[in-house]
């Protein structure tokens, strides 16, 4: 196992121990069929990840004008994810649904995803 693969496993273990389960929900909108005059229902796909929900610091508020009051930082372990979170996904943490807003950061040394840092807003 390569060094960064081991780091990805370690990140998952630590976040599992100190974090909580997080649901990442992707919704695919049914494509409109002009012949039928309707669209099929949306398809919802969910995956469970391990994450840590944190508050932004005062320094981060000063350095980034895109952070709004009430936004949170969600760190998600990359190991074991079926797909990479994107800005169109929703996350459910502690029964509350959050939208992912830019920026979405991937900690990816040497091409091995270890951690995703999401800015989330309810």
PDB file of N, CA and C in Angstrom:
ATOM      1  N   UNK A   1       0.855  -1.182   0.000  1.00  0.00           N
ATOM      2  CA  UNK A   1       0.000   0.000   0.000  1.00  0.00           C
ATOM      3  C   UNK A   1       0.899   1.243   0.000  1.00  0.00           C
ATOM      4  N   UNK A   2       0.601   2.184  -0.854  1.00  0.00           N
ATOM      5  CA  UNK A   2       1.384   3.414  -0.965  1.00  0.00           C
ATOM      6  C   UNK A   2       1.132   4.323   0.243  1.00  0.00           C
ATOM      7  N   UNK A   3       2.048   5.240   0.469  1.00  0.00           N
ATOM      8  CA  UNK A   3       1.974   6.139   1.616  1.00  0.00           C
ATOM      9  C   UNK A   3       0.641   6.884   1.684  1.00  0.00           C
ATOM     10  N   UNK A   4       0.216   7.511   0.577  1.00  0.00           N
ATOM     11  CA  UNK A   4      -1.011   8.304   0.610  1.00  0.00           C
ATOM     12  C   UNK A   4      -2.255   7.435   0.717  1.00  0.00           C
ATOM     13  N   UNK A   5      -2.197   6.204   0.212  1.00  0.00           N
ATOM     14  CA  UNK A   5      -3.308   5.280   0.430  1.00  0.00           C
ATOM     15  C   UNK A   5      -3.460   4.991   1.922  1.00  0.00           C
ATOM     16  N   UNK A   6      -2.334   4.816   2.609  1.00  0.00           N
ATOM     17  CA  UNK A   6      -2.367   4.597   4.053  1.00  0.00           C
ATOM     18  C   UNK A   6      -2.915   5.825   4.779  1.00  0.00           C
ATOM     19  N   UNK A   7      -2.568   7.015   4.297  1.00  0.00           N
ATOM     20  CA  UNK A   7      -3.071   8.251   4.915  1.00  0.00           C
ATOM     21  C   UNK A   7      -4.587   8.360   4.725  1.00  0.00           C
ATOM     22  N   UNK A   8      -5.096   7.932   3.564  1.00  0.00           N
ATOM     23  CA  UNK A   8      -6.540   7.965   3.324  1.00  0.00           C
ATOM     24  C   UNK A   8      -7.261   7.019   4.285  1.00  0.00           C
ATOM     25  N   UNK A   9      -6.694   5.855   4.510  1.00  0.00           N
ATOM     26  CA  UNK A   9      -7.275   4.899   5.456  1.00  0.00           C
ATOM     27  C   UNK A   9      -7.229   5.469   6.873  1.00  0.00           C
ATOM     28  N   UNK A  10      -6.119   6.091   7.234  1.00  0.00           N
ATOM     29  CA  UNK A  10      -5.981   6.686   8.563  1.00  0.00           C
ATOM     30  C   UNK A  10      -6.981   7.828   8.756  1.00  0.00           C
ATOM     31  N   UNK A  11      -7.166   8.652   7.729  1.00  0.00           N
ATOM     32  CA  UNK A  11      -8.138   9.748   7.820  1.00  0.00           C
ATOM     33  C   UNK A  11      -9.537   9.193   8.065  1.00  0.00           C
ATOM     34  N   UNK A  12      -9.900   8.123   7.343  1.00  0.00           N
ATOM     35  CA  UNK A  12     -11.217   7.507   7.538  1.00  0.00           C
ATOM     36  C   UNK A  12     -11.351   6.970   8.959  1.00  0.00           C
ATOM     37  N   UNK A  13     -10.333   6.311   9.466  1.00  0.00           N
ATOM     38  CA  UNK A  13     -10.387   5.761  10.818  1.00  0.00           C
ATOM     39  C   UNK A  13     -10.566   6.861  11.860  1.00  0.00           C
ATOM     40  N   UNK A  14      -9.813   7.948  11.736  1.00  0.00           N
ATOM     41  CA  UNK A  14      -9.901   9.040  12.706  1.00  0.00           C
ATOM     42  C   UNK A  14     -11.246   9.759  12.632  1.00  0.00           C
ATOM     43  N   UNK A  15     -11.712  10.010  11.414  1.00  0.00           N
ATOM     44  CA  UNK A  15     -13.001  10.702  11.271  1.00  0.00           C
ATOM     45  C   UNK A  15     -14.133   9.804  11.739  1.00  0.00           C
ATOM     46  N   UNK A  16     -14.020   8.500  11.526  1.00  0.00           N
ATOM     47  CA  UNK A  16     -15.033   7.574  12.025  1.00  0.00           C
ATOM     48  C   UNK A  16     -15.061   7.598  13.547  1.00  0.00           C
ATOM     49  N   UNK A  17     -13.881   7.631  14.155  1.00  0.00           N
ATOM     50  CA  UNK A  17     -13.801   7.621  15.615  1.00  0.00           C
ATOM     51  C   UNK A  17     -14.301   8.923  16.230  1.00  0.00           C
ATOM     52  N   UNK A  18     -13.933  10.052  15.654  1.00  0.00           N
ATOM     53  CA  UNK A  18     -14.239  11.345  16.266  1.00  0.00           C
ATOM     54  C   UNK A  18     -15.362  12.114  15.571  1.00  0.00           C
ATOM     55  N   UNK A  19     -15.807  11.637  14.421  1.00  0.00           N
ATOM     56  CA  UNK A  19     -16.851  12.325  13.666  1.00  0.00           C
ATOM     57  C   UNK A  19     -18.199  11.637  13.796  1.00  0.00           C
ATOM     58  N   UNK A  20     -18.943  11.661  12.708  1.00  0.00           N
ATOM     59  CA  UNK A  20     -20.287  11.102  12.696  1.00  0.00           C
ATOM     60  C   UNK A  20     -20.660  10.699  11.269  1.00  0.00           C
ATOM     61  N   UNK A  21     -21.664   9.829  11.136  1.00  0.00           N
ATOM     62  CA  UNK A  21     -22.116   9.478   9.791  1.00  0.00           C
ATOM     63  C   UNK A  21     -22.787  10.678   9.122  1.00  0.00           C
ATOM     64  N   UNK A  22     -22.543  10.812   7.847  1.00  0.00           N
ATOM     65  CA  UNK A  22     -23.093  11.892   7.029  1.00  0.00           C
ATOM     66  C   UNK A  22     -23.697  11.250   5.785  1.00  0.00           C
ATOM     67  N   UNK A  23     -24.881  11.682   5.404  1.00  0.00           N
ATOM     68  CA  UNK A  23     -25.488  11.181   4.176  1.00  0.00           C
ATOM     69  C   UNK A  23     -25.286  12.211   3.074  1.00  0.00           C
ATOM     70  N   UNK A  24     -24.748  11.758   1.950  1.00  0.00           N
ATOM     71  CA  UNK A  24     -24.598  12.622   0.770  1.00  0.00           C
ATOM     72  C   UNK A  24     -25.656  12.191  -0.224  1.00  0.00           C
ATOM     73  N   UNK A  25     -26.494  13.131  -0.650  1.00  0.00           N
ATOM     74  CA  UNK A  25     -27.630  12.824  -1.516  1.00  0.00           C
ATOM     75  C   UNK A  25     -27.459  13.518  -2.871  1.00  0.00           C
ATOM     76  N   UNK A  26     -27.505  12.710  -3.926  1.00  0.00           N
ATOM     77  CA  UNK A  26     -27.462  13.226  -5.298  1.00  0.00           C
ATOM     78  C   UNK A  26     -28.831  13.006  -5.926  1.00  0.00           C
ATOM     79  N   UNK A  27     -29.387  14.043  -6.521  1.00  0.00           N
ATOM     80  CA  UNK A  27     -30.683  13.947  -7.188  1.00  0.00           C
ATOM     81  C   UNK A  27     -30.485  14.167  -8.677  1.00  0.00           C
ATOM     82  N   UNK A  28     -30.928  13.193  -9.465  1.00  0.00           N
ATOM     83  CA  UNK A  28     -30.871  13.307 -10.921  1.00  0.00           C
ATOM     84  C   UNK A  28     -32.279  13.597 -11.417  1.00  0.00           C
ATOM     85  N   UNK A  29     -32.445  14.725 -12.064  1.00  0.00           N
ATOM     86  CA  UNK A  29     -33.751  15.143 -12.553  1.00  0.00           C
ATOM     87  C   UNK A  29     -34.089  14.329 -13.794  1.00  0.00           C
ATOM     88  N   UNK A  30     -35.315  13.804 -13.821  1.00  0.00           N
ATOM     89  CA  UNK A  30     -35.769  13.038 -14.989  1.00  0.00           C
ATOM     90  C   UNK A  30     -35.823  13.925 -16.225  1.00  0.00           C
ATOM     91  N   UNK A  31     -35.343  13.400 -17.329  1.00  0.00           N
ATOM     92  CA  UNK A  31     -35.294  14.166 -18.572  1.00  0.00           C
ATOM     93  C   UNK A  31     -36.678  14.200 -19.231  1.00  0.00           C
ATOM     94  N   UNK A  32     -37.093  15.379 -19.625  1.00  0.00           N
ATOM     95  CA  UNK A  32     -38.410  15.570 -20.237  1.00  0.00           C
ATOM     96  C   UNK A  32     -38.504  14.814 -21.558  1.00  0.00           C
ATOM     97  N   UNK A  33     -39.596  14.089 -21.736  1.00  0.00           N
ATOM     98  CA  UNK A  33     -39.862  13.349 -22.973  1.00  0.00           C
ATOM     99  C   UNK A  33     -40.978  14.079 -23.716  1.00  0.00           C
ATOM    100  N   UNK A  34     -40.649  14.768 -24.840  1.00  0.00           N
ATOM    101  CA  UNK A  34     -41.680  15.533 -25.542  1.00  0.00           C
ATOM    102  C   UNK A  34     -42.785  14.651 -26.129  1.00  0.00           C
ATOM    103  N   UNK A  35     -42.474  13.406 -26.479  1.00  0.00           N
ATOM    104  CA  UNK A  35     -43.503  12.510 -27.023  1.00  0.00           C
ATOM    105  C   UNK A  35     -44.530  12.141 -25.957  1.00  0.00           C
ATOM    106  N   UNK A  36     -44.066  11.899 -24.757  1.00  0.00           N
ATOM    107  CA  UNK A  36     -44.977  11.540 -23.668  1.00  0.00           C
ATOM    108  C   UNK A  36     -45.565  12.780 -23.004  1.00  0.00           C
ATOM    109  N   UNK A  37     -44.899  13.918 -23.179  1.00  0.00           N
ATOM    110  CA  UNK A  37     -45.376  15.161 -22.575  1.00  0.00           C
ATOM    111  C   UNK A  37     -45.107  15.243 -21.087  1.00  0.00           C
ATOM    112  N   UNK A  38     -44.175  14.447 -20.607  1.00  0.00           N
ATOM    113  CA  UNK A  38     -43.869  14.471 -19.179  1.00  0.00           C
ATOM    114  C   UNK A  38     -42.433  14.016 -18.958  1.00  0.00           C
ATOM    115  N   UNK A  39     -42.040  14.088 -17.723  1.00  0.00           N
ATOM    116  CA  UNK A  39     -40.702  13.634 -17.334  1.00  0.00           C
ATOM    117  C   UNK A  39     -40.855  12.541 -16.283  1.00  0.00           C
ATOM    118  N   UNK A  40     -39.964  11.562 -16.285  1.00  0.00           N
ATOM    119  CA  UNK A  40     -40.026  10.548 -15.234  1.00  0.00           C
ATOM    120  C   UNK A  40     -39.656  11.178 -13.889  1.00  0.00           C
ATOM    121  N   UNK A  41     -39.977  10.500 -12.807  1.00  0.00           N
ATOM    122  CA  UNK A  41     -39.631  11.069 -11.497  1.00  0.00           C
ATOM    123  C   UNK A  41     -38.115  11.198 -11.316  1.00  0.00           C
ATOM    124  N   UNK A  42     -37.746  12.120 -10.450  1.00  0.00           N
ATOM    125  CA  UNK A  42     -36.331  12.303 -10.146  1.00  0.00           C
ATOM    126  C   UNK A  42     -35.783  11.041  -9.480  1.00  0.00           C
ATOM    127  N   UNK A  43     -34.505  10.795  -9.699  1.00  0.00           N
ATOM    128  CA  UNK A  43     -33.821   9.666  -9.081  1.00  0.00           C
ATOM    129  C   UNK A  43     -32.923  10.192  -7.973  1.00  0.00           C
ATOM    130  N   UNK A  44     -33.074   9.648  -6.780  1.00  0.00           N
ATOM    131  CA  UNK A  44     -32.269  10.058  -5.639  1.00  0.00           C
ATOM    132  C   UNK A  44     -31.314   8.917  -5.288  1.00  0.00           C
ATOM    133  N   UNK A  45     -30.035   9.250  -5.207  1.00  0.00           N
ATOM    134  CA  UNK A  45     -29.007   8.293  -4.818  1.00  0.00           C
ATOM    135  C   UNK A  45     -28.326   8.821  -3.566  1.00  0.00           C
ATOM    136  N   UNK A  46     -28.160   7.948  -2.595  1.00  0.00           N
ATOM    137  CA  UNK A  46     -27.521   8.365  -1.346  1.00  0.00           C
ATOM    138  C   UNK A  46     -26.330   7.468  -1.026  1.00  0.00           C
ATOM    139  N   UNK A  47     -25.356   8.059  -0.375  1.00  0.00           N
ATOM    140  CA  UNK A  47     -24.241   7.297   0.163  1.00  0.00           C
ATOM    141  C   UNK A  47     -23.942   7.817   1.563  1.00  0.00           C
ATOM    142  N   UNK A  48     -23.487   6.921   2.411  1.00  0.00           N
ATOM    143  CA  UNK A  48     -23.117   7.304   3.768  1.00  0.00           C
ATOM    144  C   UNK A  48     -21.612   7.489   3.815  1.00  0.00           C
ATOM    145  N   UNK A  49     -21.206   8.582   4.401  1.00  0.00           N
ATOM    146  CA  UNK A  49     -19.789   8.904   4.555  1.00  0.00           C
ATOM    147  C   UNK A  49     -19.536   9.191   6.026  1.00  0.00           C
ATOM    148  N   UNK A  50     -18.282   9.378   6.361  1.00  0.00           N
ATOM    149  CA  UNK A  50     -17.906   9.778   7.708  1.00  0.00           C
ATOM    150  C   UNK A  50     -17.410  11.216   7.653  1.00  0.00           C
ATOM    151  N   UNK A  51     -17.936  12.070   8.532  1.00  0.00           N
ATOM    152  CA  UNK A  51     -17.566  13.477   8.475  1.00  0.00           C
ATOM    153  C   UNK A  51     -17.491  14.134   9.839  1.00  0.00           C
ATOM    154  N   UNK A  52     -16.915  15.313   9.825  1.00  0.00           N
ATOM    155  CA  UNK A  52     -16.826  16.154  11.014  1.00  0.00           C
ATOM    156  C   UNK A  52     -17.385  17.522  10.644  1.00  0.00           C
ATOM    157  N   UNK A  53     -18.413  17.962  11.361  1.00  0.00           N
ATOM    158  CA  UNK A  53     -19.039  19.258  11.121  1.00  0.00           C
ATOM    159  C   UNK A  53     -18.435  20.276  12.081  1.00  0.00           C
ATOM    160  N   UNK A  54     -17.865  21.339  11.520  1.00  0.00           N
ATOM    161  CA  UNK A  54     -17.154  22.344  12.313  1.00  0.00           C
ATOM    162  C   UNK A  54     -17.673  23.742  12.022  1.00  0.00           C
ATOM    163  N   UNK A  55     -17.472  24.640  12.979  1.00  0.00           N
ATOM    164  CA  UNK A  55     -17.741  26.055  12.754  1.00  0.00           C
ATOM    165  C   UNK A  55     -16.536  26.680  12.068  1.00  0.00           C
ATOM    166  N   UNK A  56     -16.778  27.723  11.292  1.00  0.00           N
ATOM    167  CA  UNK A  56     -15.676  28.499  10.742  1.00  0.00           C
ATOM    168  C   UNK A  56     -15.107  29.381  11.844  1.00  0.00           C
ATOM    169  N   UNK A  57     -13.831  29.675  11.762  1.00  0.00           N
ATOM    170  CA  UNK A  57     -13.184  30.536  12.750  1.00  0.00           C
ATOM    171  C   UNK A  57     -13.359  31.993  12.347  1.00  0.00           C
ATOM    172  N   UNK A  58     -13.106  32.888  13.276  1.00  0.00           N
ATOM    173  CA  UNK A  58     -13.172  34.318  12.978  1.00  0.00           C
ATOM    174  C   UNK A  58     -12.192  34.715  11.894  1.00  0.00           C
ATOM    175  N   UNK A  59     -11.014  34.112  11.904  1.00  0.00           N
ATOM    176  CA  UNK A  59     -10.003  34.391  10.876  1.00  0.00           C
ATOM    177  C   UNK A  59     -10.508  33.987   9.494  1.00  0.00           C
ATOM    178  N   UNK A  60     -11.197  32.841   9.414  1.00  0.00           N
ATOM    179  CA  UNK A  60     -11.734  32.396   8.120  1.00  0.00           C
ATOM    180  C   UNK A  60     -12.811  33.360   7.618  1.00  0.00           C
ATOM    181  N   UNK A  61     -13.634  33.898   8.524  1.00  0.00           N
ATOM    182  CA  UNK A  61     -14.636  34.892   8.124  1.00  0.00           C
ATOM    183  C   UNK A  61     -13.962  36.136   7.547  1.00  0.00           C
ATOM    184  N   UNK A  62     -12.857  36.553   8.146  1.00  0.00           N
ATOM    185  CA  UNK A  62     -12.156  37.745   7.679  1.00  0.00           C
ATOM    186  C   UNK A  62     -11.510  37.523   6.318  1.00  0.00           C
ATOM    187  N   UNK A  63     -11.000  36.317   6.084  1.00  0.00           N
ATOM    188  CA  UNK A  63     -10.266  36.035   4.845  1.00  0.00           C
ATOM    189  C   UNK A  63     -11.147  35.594   3.690  1.00  0.00           C
ATOM    190  N   UNK A  64     -12.391  35.227   3.940  1.00  0.00           N
ATOM    191  CA  UNK A  64     -13.247  34.699   2.882  1.00  0.00           C
ATOM    192  C   UNK A  64     -14.623  35.342   2.980  1.00  0.00           C
ATOM    193  N   UNK A  65     -14.930  36.238   2.063  1.00  0.00           N
ATOM    194  CA  UNK A  65     -16.203  36.951   2.092  1.00  0.00           C
ATOM    195  C   UNK A  65     -17.372  36.082   1.617  1.00  0.00           C
ATOM    196  N   UNK A  66     -17.100  34.851   1.141  1.00  0.00           N
ATOM    197  CA  UNK A  66     -18.174  33.962   0.684  1.00  0.00           C
ATOM    198  C   UNK A  66     -18.820  33.199   1.834  1.00  0.00           C
ATOM    199  N   UNK A  67     -18.227  33.254   3.013  1.00  0.00           N
ATOM    200  CA  UNK A  67     -18.789  32.579   4.175  1.00  0.00           C
ATOM    201  C   UNK A  67     -19.882  33.456   4.764  1.00  0.00           C
ATOM    202  N   UNK A  68     -21.089  32.878   4.931  1.00  0.00           N
ATOM    203  CA  UNK A  68     -22.200  33.602   5.527  1.00  0.00           C
ATOM    204  C   UNK A  68     -22.435  33.095   6.942  1.00  0.00           C
ATOM    205  N   UNK A  69     -23.094  33.921   7.732  1.00  0.00           N
ATOM    206  CA  UNK A  69     -23.435  33.533   9.093  1.00  0.00           C
ATOM    207  C   UNK A  69     -24.230  32.231   9.059  1.00  0.00           C
ATOM    208  N   UNK A  70     -23.852  31.263   9.858  1.00  0.00           N
ATOM    209  CA  UNK A  70     -24.552  29.983   9.909  1.00  0.00           C
ATOM    210  C   UNK A  70     -23.934  28.896   9.041  1.00  0.00           C
ATOM    211  N   UNK A  71     -23.027  29.269   8.125  1.00  0.00           N
ATOM    212  CA  UNK A  71     -22.331  28.269   7.318  1.00  0.00           C
ATOM    213  C   UNK A  71     -21.454  27.416   8.212  1.00  0.00           C
ATOM    214  N   UNK A  72     -21.249  26.184   7.793  1.00  0.00           N
ATOM    215  CA  UNK A  72     -20.393  25.262   8.528  1.00  0.00           C
ATOM    216  C   UNK A  72     -19.371  24.662   7.568  1.00  0.00           C
ATOM    217  N   UNK A  73     -18.322  24.124   8.149  1.00  0.00           N
ATOM    218  CA  UNK A  73     -17.295  23.411   7.396  1.00  0.00           C
ATOM    219  C   UNK A  73     -17.511  21.931   7.672  1.00  0.00           C
ATOM    220  N   UNK A  74     -17.597  21.128   6.616  1.00  0.00           N
ATOM    221  CA  UNK A  74     -17.781  19.692   6.758  1.00  0.00           C
ATOM    222  C   UNK A  74     -16.597  18.994   6.120  1.00  0.00           C
ATOM    223  N   UNK A  75     -15.858  18.249   6.932  1.00  0.00           N
ATOM    224  CA  UNK A  75     -14.720  17.478   6.429  1.00  0.00           C
ATOM    225  C   UNK A  75     -15.171  16.035   6.308  1.00  0.00           C
ATOM    226  N   UNK A  76     -15.042  15.486   5.093  1.00  0.00           N
ATOM    227  CA  UNK A  76     -15.521  14.141   4.790  1.00  0.00           C
ATOM    228  C   UNK A  76     -14.345  13.287   4.336  1.00  0.00           C
ATOM    229  N   UNK A  77     -14.214  12.100   4.928  1.00  0.00           N
ATOM    230  CA  UNK A  77     -13.166  11.172   4.516  1.00  0.00           C
ATOM    231  C   UNK A  77     -13.459  10.673   3.105  1.00  0.00           C
ATOM    232  N   UNK A  78     -12.445  10.673   2.247  1.00  0.00           N
ATOM    233  CA  UNK A  78     -12.619  10.263   0.850  1.00  0.00           C
ATOM    234  C   UNK A  78     -12.647   8.750   0.694  1.00  0.00           C
ATOM    235  N   UNK A  79     -11.978   8.037   1.570  1.00  0.00           N
ATOM    236  CA  UNK A  79     -11.869   6.585   1.478  1.00  0.00           C
ATOM    237  C   UNK A  79     -13.253   5.936   1.534  1.00  0.00           C
ATOM    238  N   UNK A  80     -13.552   5.078   0.579  1.00  0.00           N
ATOM    239  CA  UNK A  80     -14.794   4.320   0.591  1.00  0.00           C
ATOM    240  C   UNK A  80     -15.990   5.002  -0.038  1.00  0.00           C
ATOM    241  N   UNK A  81     -15.835   6.212  -0.556  1.00  0.00           N
ATOM    242  CA  UNK A  81     -16.966   6.889  -1.195  1.00  0.00           C
ATOM    243  C   UNK A  81     -17.234   6.285  -2.573  1.00  0.00           C
ATOM    244  N   UNK A  82     -18.514   6.130  -2.899  1.00  0.00           N
ATOM    245  CA  UNK A  82     -18.899   5.613  -4.210  1.00  0.00           C
ATOM    246  C   UNK A  82     -18.727   6.679  -5.287  1.00  0.00           C
ATOM    247  N   UNK A  83     -18.934   7.937  -4.917  1.00  0.00           N
ATOM    248  CA  UNK A  83     -18.725   9.046  -5.850  1.00  0.00           C
ATOM    249  C   UNK A  83     -18.254  10.265  -5.068  1.00  0.00           C
ATOM    250  N   UNK A  84     -17.659  11.189  -5.793  1.00  0.00           N
ATOM    251  CA  UNK A  84     -17.125  12.414  -5.208  1.00  0.00           C
ATOM    252  C   UNK A  84     -18.275  13.409  -5.005  1.00  0.00           C
ATOM    253  N   UNK A  85     -18.378  14.029  -3.825  1.00  0.00           N
ATOM    254  CA  UNK A  85     -19.419  15.039  -3.617  1.00  0.00           C
ATOM    255  C   UNK A  85     -19.242  16.209  -4.590  1.00  0.00           C
ATOM    256  N   UNK A  86     -20.364  16.779  -5.030  1.00  0.00           N
ATOM    257  CA  UNK A  86     -20.277  17.963  -5.884  1.00  0.00           C
ATOM    258  C   UNK A  86     -21.262  19.020  -5.407  1.00  0.00           C
ATOM    259  N   UNK A  87     -21.234  20.158  -6.046  1.00  0.00           N
ATOM    260  CA  UNK A  87     -22.022  21.309  -5.585  1.00  0.00           C
ATOM    261  C   UNK A  87     -23.529  21.114  -5.729  1.00  0.00           C
ATOM    262  N   UNK A  88     -23.963  20.129  -6.516  1.00  0.00           N
ATOM    263  CA  UNK A  88     -25.393  19.887  -6.684  1.00  0.00           C
ATOM    264  C   UNK A  88     -25.944  18.911  -5.655  1.00  0.00           C
ATOM    265  N   UNK A  89     -25.067  18.313  -4.864  1.00  0.00           N
ATOM    266  CA  UNK A  89     -25.497  17.364  -3.838  1.00  0.00           C
ATOM    267  C   UNK A  89     -25.991  18.090  -2.604  1.00  0.00           C
ATOM    268  N   UNK A  90     -26.712  17.367  -1.785  1.00  0.00           N
ATOM    269  CA  UNK A  90     -27.116  17.822  -0.449  1.00  0.00           C
ATOM    270  C   UNK A  90     -26.447  16.889   0.552  1.00  0.00           C
ATOM    271  N   UNK A  91     -26.228  17.371   1.753  1.00  0.00           N
ATOM    272  CA  UNK A  91     -25.711  16.515   2.812  1.00  0.00           C
ATOM    273  C   UNK A  91     -26.672  16.587   3.998  1.00  0.00           C
ATOM    274  N   UNK A  92     -26.849  15.452   4.640  1.00  0.00           N
ATOM    275  CA  UNK A  92     -27.691  15.385   5.817  1.00  0.00           C
ATOM    276  C   UNK A  92     -26.795  15.034   6.992  1.00  0.00           C
ATOM    277  N   UNK A  93     -26.763  15.948   7.964  1.00  0.00           N
ATOM    278  CA  UNK A  93     -25.948  15.772   9.159  1.00  0.00           C
ATOM    279  C   UNK A  93     -26.840  16.057  10.356  1.00  0.00           C
ATOM    280  N   UNK A  94     -26.900  15.132  11.292  1.00  0.00           N
ATOM    281  CA  UNK A  94     -27.702  15.278  12.510  1.00  0.00           C
ATOM    282  C   UNK A  94     -29.155  15.619  12.175  1.00  0.00           C
ATOM    283  N   UNK A  95     -29.692  15.000  11.127  1.00  0.00           N
ATOM    284  CA  UNK A  95     -31.083  15.203  10.745  1.00  0.00           C
ATOM    285  C   UNK A  95     -31.373  16.507  10.027  1.00  0.00           C
ATOM    286  N   UNK A  96     -30.376  17.286   9.749  1.00  0.00           N
ATOM    287  CA  UNK A  96     -30.543  18.581   9.085  1.00  0.00           C
ATOM    288  C   UNK A  96     -29.950  18.507   7.686  1.00  0.00           C
ATOM    289  N   UNK A  97     -30.665  19.053   6.701  1.00  0.00           N
ATOM    290  CA  UNK A  97     -30.208  19.031   5.310  1.00  0.00           C
ATOM    291  C   UNK A  97     -29.467  20.320   4.993  1.00  0.00           C
ATOM    292  N   UNK A  98     -28.293  20.152   4.396  1.00  0.00           N
ATOM    293  CA  UNK A  98     -27.418  21.271   4.051  1.00  0.00           C
ATOM    294  C   UNK A  98     -27.134  21.248   2.556  1.00  0.00           C
ATOM    295  N   UNK A  99     -27.001  22.418   1.960  1.00  0.00           N
ATOM    296  CA  UNK A  99     -26.544  22.551   0.574  1.00  0.00           C
ATOM    297  C   UNK A  99     -25.041  22.769   0.583  1.00  0.00           C
ATOM    298  N   UNK A 100     -24.377  22.254  -0.442  1.00  0.00           N
ATOM    299  CA  UNK A 100     -22.943  22.472  -0.584  1.00  0.00           C
ATOM    300  C   UNK A 100     -22.759  23.727  -1.421  1.00  0.00           C
ATOM    301  N   UNK A 101     -21.961  24.659  -0.929  1.00  0.00           N
ATOM    302  CA  UNK A 101     -21.692  25.904  -1.650  1.00  0.00           C
ATOM    303  C   UNK A 101     -20.191  25.983  -1.935  1.00  0.00           C
ATOM    304  N   UNK A 102     -19.811  26.729  -2.966  1.00  0.00           N
ATOM    305  CA  UNK A 102     -18.377  26.855  -3.259  1.00  0.00           C
ATOM    306  C   UNK A 102     -17.658  27.547  -2.110  1.00  0.00           C
ATOM    307  N   UNK A 103     -16.447  27.223  -1.844  1.00  0.00           N
ATOM    308  CA  UNK A 103     -15.594  26.285  -2.569  1.00  0.00           C
ATOM    309  C   UNK A 103     -15.720  24.873  -2.021  1.00  0.00           C
ATOM    310  N   UNK A 104     -15.491  23.898  -2.882  1.00  0.00           N
ATOM    311  CA  UNK A 104     -15.421  22.498  -2.502  1.00  0.00           C
ATOM    312  C   UNK A 104     -13.970  22.083  -2.700  1.00  0.00           C
ATOM    313  N   UNK A 105     -13.288  21.754  -1.619  1.00  0.00           N
ATOM    314  CA  UNK A 105     -11.850  21.461  -1.698  1.00  0.00           C
ATOM    315  C   UNK A 105     -11.614  19.966  -1.592  1.00  0.00           C
ATOM    316  N   UNK A 106     -10.669  19.483  -2.373  1.00  0.00           N
ATOM    317  CA  UNK A 106     -10.246  18.097  -2.302  1.00  0.00           C
ATOM    318  C   UNK A 106      -8.789  18.061  -1.863  1.00  0.00           C
ATOM    319  N   UNK A 107      -8.518  17.402  -0.754  1.00  0.00           N
ATOM    320  CA  UNK A 107      -7.136  17.199  -0.317  1.00  0.00           C
ATOM    321  C   UNK A 107      -6.678  15.941  -1.049  1.00  0.00           C
ATOM    322  N   UNK A 108      -5.756  16.125  -2.008  1.00  0.00           N
ATOM    323  CA  UNK A 108      -5.447  15.084  -2.969  1.00  0.00           C
ATOM    324  C   UNK A 108      -3.951  15.076  -3.293  1.00  0.00           C
ATOM    325  N   UNK A 109      -3.089  14.716  -2.325  1.00  0.00           N
ATOM    326  CA  UNK A 109      -1.662  14.691  -2.636  1.00  0.00           C
ATOM    327  C   UNK A 109      -1.320  13.504  -3.533  1.00  0.00           C
ATOM    328  N   UNK A 110      -0.553  13.752  -4.543  1.00  0.00           N
ATOM    329  CA  UNK A 110      -0.068  12.702  -5.457  1.00  0.00           C
ATOM    330  C   UNK A 110      -1.206  11.917  -6.095  1.00  0.00           C
ATOM    331  N   UNK A 111      -2.368  12.562  -6.290  1.00  0.00           N
ATOM    332  CA  UNK A 111      -3.475  11.903  -6.978  1.00  0.00           C
ATOM    333  C   UNK A 111      -4.294  10.953  -6.130  1.00  0.00           C
ATOM    334  N   UNK A 112      -4.106  10.947  -4.823  1.00  0.00           N
ATOM    335  CA  UNK A 112      -4.874  10.076  -3.930  1.00  0.00           C
ATOM    336  C   UNK A 112      -5.791  10.931  -3.064  1.00  0.00           C
ATOM    337  N   UNK A 113      -7.116  10.927  -3.320  1.00  0.00           N
ATOM    338  CA  UNK A 113      -8.028  11.702  -2.478  1.00  0.00           C
ATOM    339  C   UNK A 113      -8.002  11.200  -1.034  1.00  0.00           C
ATOM    340  N   UNK A 114      -7.819  12.118  -0.105  1.00  0.00           N
ATOM    341  CA  UNK A 114      -7.786  11.770   1.316  1.00  0.00           C
ATOM    342  C   UNK A 114      -8.995  12.356   2.032  1.00  0.00           C
ATOM    343  N   UNK A 115      -9.340  13.599   1.682  1.00  0.00           N
ATOM    344  CA  UNK A 115     -10.343  14.333   2.419  1.00  0.00           C
ATOM    345  C   UNK A 115     -11.022  15.340   1.507  1.00  0.00           C
ATOM    346  N   UNK A 116     -12.321  15.535   1.714  1.00  0.00           N
ATOM    347  CA  UNK A 116     -13.040  16.608   1.032  1.00  0.00           C
ATOM    348  C   UNK A 116     -13.479  17.607   2.097  1.00  0.00           C
ATOM    349  N   UNK A 117     -13.228  18.874   1.823  1.00  0.00           N
ATOM    350  CA  UNK A 117     -13.662  19.942   2.733  1.00  0.00           C
ATOM    351  C   UNK A 117     -14.767  20.711   2.043  1.00  0.00           C
ATOM    352  N   UNK A 118     -15.956  20.656   2.614  1.00  0.00           N
ATOM    353  CA  UNK A 118     -17.136  21.280   2.018  1.00  0.00           C
ATOM    354  C   UNK A 118     -17.586  22.457   2.867  1.00  0.00           C
ATOM    355  N   UNK A 119     -18.030  23.500   2.216  1.00  0.00           N
ATOM    356  CA  UNK A 119     -18.716  24.576   2.900  1.00  0.00           C
ATOM    357  C   UNK A 119     -20.205  24.295   2.722  1.00  0.00           C
ATOM    358  N   UNK A 120     -20.941  24.172   3.837  1.00  0.00           N
ATOM    359  CA  UNK A 120     -22.352  23.823   3.750  1.00  0.00           C
ATOM    360  C   UNK A 120     -23.209  24.916   4.365  1.00  0.00           C
ATOM    361  N   UNK A 121     -24.425  25.018   3.838  1.00  0.00           N
ATOM    362  CA  UNK A 121     -25.366  26.076   4.257  1.00  0.00           C
ATOM    363  C   UNK A 121     -26.758  25.463   4.332  1.00  0.00           C
ATOM    364  N   UNK A 122     -27.487  25.793   5.406  1.00  0.00           N
ATOM    365  CA  UNK A 122     -28.853  25.269   5.523  1.00  0.00           C
ATOM    366  C   UNK A 122     -29.870  26.318   5.171  1.00  0.00           C
TER     367      UNK A 122
END
